[in-house]
C-alpha atoms as a PDB file:
ATOM      1  CA  MET A   1       2.388  19.848 -11.596  1.00  0.00           C
ATOM      2  CA  HIS A   2       3.438  16.285 -10.772  1.00  0.00           C
ATOM      3  CA  ASP A   3       1.244  13.541  -9.409  1.00  0.00           C
ATOM      4  CA  LYS A   4       2.123  12.777  -5.790  1.00  0.00           C
ATOM      5  CA  LEU A   5       2.861   9.183  -6.815  1.00  0.00           C
ATOM      6  CA  ASP A   6       4.386   9.935 -10.205  1.00  0.00           C
ATOM      7  CA  GLN A   7       7.170   7.362  -9.701  1.00  0.00           C
ATOM      8  CA  PRO A   8       5.374   4.297  -8.283  1.00  0.00           C
ATOM      9  CA  GLN A   9       8.287   1.925  -8.973  1.00  0.00           C
ATOM     10  CA  LEU A  10      10.618   4.099  -6.891  1.00  0.00           C
ATOM     11  CA  TYR A  11       8.159   4.215  -3.987  1.00  0.00           C
ATOM     12  CA  ALA A  12       7.569   0.464  -4.218  1.00  0.00           C
ATOM     13  CA  GLU A  13      11.310  -0.213  -4.071  1.00  0.00           C
ATOM     14  CA  LYS A  14      11.730   2.028  -1.023  1.00  0.00           C
ATOM     15  CA  MET A  15       8.750   0.431   0.713  1.00  0.00           C
ATOM     16  CA  ALA A  16      10.021  -3.078  -0.135  1.00  0.00           C
ATOM     17  CA  GLU A  17      13.329  -2.242   1.558  1.00  0.00           C
ATOM     18  CA  ILE A  18      11.437  -1.069   4.649  1.00  0.00           C
ATOM     19  CA  VAL A  19       9.386  -4.273   4.682  1.00  0.00           C
ATOM     20  CA  ARG A  20      12.564  -6.389   4.331  1.00  0.00           C
ATOM     21  CA  THR A  21      14.475  -4.674   7.124  1.00  0.00           C
ATOM     22  CA  ALA A  22      11.931  -3.391   9.654  1.00  0.00           C
ATOM     23  CA  GLU A  23      10.621  -6.744  10.979  1.00  0.00           C
ATOM     24  CA  LEU A  24       7.026  -5.564  10.615  1.00  0.00           C
ATOM     25  CA  ARG A  25       4.245  -7.515  12.307  1.00  0.00           C
ATOM     26  CA  SER A  26       1.638  -6.074   9.935  1.00  0.00           C
ATOM     27  CA  LEU A  27       1.109  -3.302   7.415  1.00  0.00           C
ATOM     28  CA  THR A  28      -2.134  -1.339   7.253  1.00  0.00           C
ATOM     29  CA  MET A  29      -2.830   1.062   4.414  1.00  0.00           C
ATOM     30  CA  ILE A  30      -5.500   3.705   5.026  1.00  0.00           C
ATOM     31  CA  HIS A  31      -6.924   5.749   2.178  1.00  0.00           C
ATOM     32  CA  MET A  32      -9.928   7.921   1.405  1.00  0.00           C
ATOM     33  CA  GLU A  33     -12.777   6.604  -0.713  1.00  0.00           C
ATOM     34  CA  VAL A  34     -11.960   8.830  -3.686  1.00  0.00           C
ATOM     35  CA  PRO A  35     -10.304   6.990  -6.625  1.00  0.00           C
ATOM     36  CA  CYS A  36      -7.051   8.954  -6.582  1.00  0.00           C
ATOM     37  CA  CYS A  37      -6.213   7.794  -3.064  1.00  0.00           C
ATOM     38  CA  SER A  38      -5.741   4.063  -3.676  1.00  0.00           C
ATOM     39  CA  GLY A  39      -2.376   4.235  -5.454  1.00  0.00           C
ATOM     40  CA  LEU A  40      -0.328   3.821  -2.293  1.00  0.00           C
ATOM     41  CA  THR A  41      -2.265   0.654  -1.449  1.00  0.00           C
ATOM     42  CA  ARG A  42      -1.266  -0.885  -4.794  1.00  0.00           C
ATOM     43  CA  ILE A  43       2.329   0.177  -4.185  1.00  0.00           C
ATOM     44  CA  ALA A  44       2.253  -1.516  -0.759  1.00  0.00           C
ATOM     45  CA  GLN A  45       0.928  -4.752  -2.296  1.00  0.00           C
ATOM     46  CA  HIS A  46       3.794  -4.732  -4.776  1.00  0.00           C
ATOM     47  CA  ALA A  47       6.362  -3.856  -2.090  1.00  0.00           C
ATOM     48  CA  VAL A  48       5.337  -6.757   0.159  1.00  0.00           C
ATOM     49  CA  ALA A  49       5.533  -9.149  -2.798  1.00  0.00           C
ATOM     50  CA  ALA A  50       8.901  -7.750  -3.921  1.00  0.00           C
ATOM     51  CA  ALA A  51      10.252  -8.086  -0.383  1.00  0.00           C
ATOM     52  CA  GLY A  52       9.224 -11.750  -0.303  1.00  0.00           C
ATOM     53  CA  SER A  53       7.450 -11.043   2.967  1.00  0.00           C
ATOM     54  CA  ASP A  54       4.476 -12.784   4.519  1.00  0.00           C
ATOM     55  CA  VAL A  55       3.577  -9.731   6.646  1.00  0.00           C
ATOM     56  CA  PRO A  56      -0.220  -9.371   6.882  1.00  0.00           C
ATOM     57  CA  LEU A  57      -1.421  -6.514   4.685  1.00  0.00           C
ATOM     58  CA  GLU A  58      -4.708  -4.736   5.384  1.00  0.00           C
ATOM     59  CA  ASP A  59      -6.571  -2.006   3.512  1.00  0.00           C
ATOM     60  CA  VAL A  60      -8.865   0.473   5.268  1.00  0.00           C
ATOM     61  CA  THR A  61     -11.118   2.783   3.250  1.00  0.00           C
ATOM     62  CA  VAL A  62     -12.248   5.977   4.976  1.00  0.00           C
ATOM     63  CA  SER A  63     -15.032   8.296   3.818  1.00  0.00           C
ATOM     64  CA  ILE A  64     -14.442  11.967   3.131  1.00  0.00           C
ATOM     65  CA  ARG A  65     -16.093  12.543   6.508  1.00  0.00           C
ATOM     66  CA  GLY A  66     -13.595  10.290   8.292  1.00  0.00           C
ATOM     67  CA  GLU A  67     -15.809   7.230   8.803  1.00  0.00           C
ATOM     68  CA  VAL A  68     -14.361   3.769   8.210  1.00  0.00           C
ATOM     69  CA  LEU A  69     -16.231   2.330   5.233  1.00  0.00           C
ATOM     70  CA  ALA A  70     -14.384  -0.953   4.745  1.00  0.00           C
ATOM     71  CA  THR A  71     -11.521  -3.010   6.094  1.00  0.00           C
ATOM     72  CA  GLN A  72     -10.159  -5.920   4.128  1.00  0.00           C
ATOM     73  CA  PRO A  73      -7.078  -8.106   4.022  1.00  0.00           C
ATOM     74  CA  LEU A  74      -4.979  -7.826   0.879  1.00  0.00           C
ATOM     75  CA  SER A  75      -2.671 -10.232  -0.866  1.00  0.00           C
ATOM     76  CA  PRO A  76       0.767  -9.127  -2.024  1.00  0.00           C
ATOM     77  CA  VAL A  77       0.867  -8.929  -5.816  1.00  0.00           C
ATOM     78  CA  ALA A  78       3.533  -8.165  -8.361  1.00  0.00           C
ATOM     79  CA  LEU A  79       2.337  -5.185 -10.345  1.00  0.00           C
ATOM     80  CA  ARG A  80       3.479  -3.756 -13.624  1.00  0.00           C
ATOM     81  CA  PHE A  81       4.512  -0.113 -13.599  1.00  0.00           C
END
């Protein structure tokens, strides 16, 4: 069985292209509080950096019961895959 995000570089490249071309006003990543759910947030940080975009990036953490636990702004970062 493959991890849902088993090719993070590929997903980051696709997301960077979306960020470059879609004229986004902001990008909000929402994930559950469990550790396995934060990978897409890291990919989004990399994608925004790779796109050279200054789009505001926000991270929202939701509990397993659906309650918002935290909301925080994120900085784009170049990540190593």
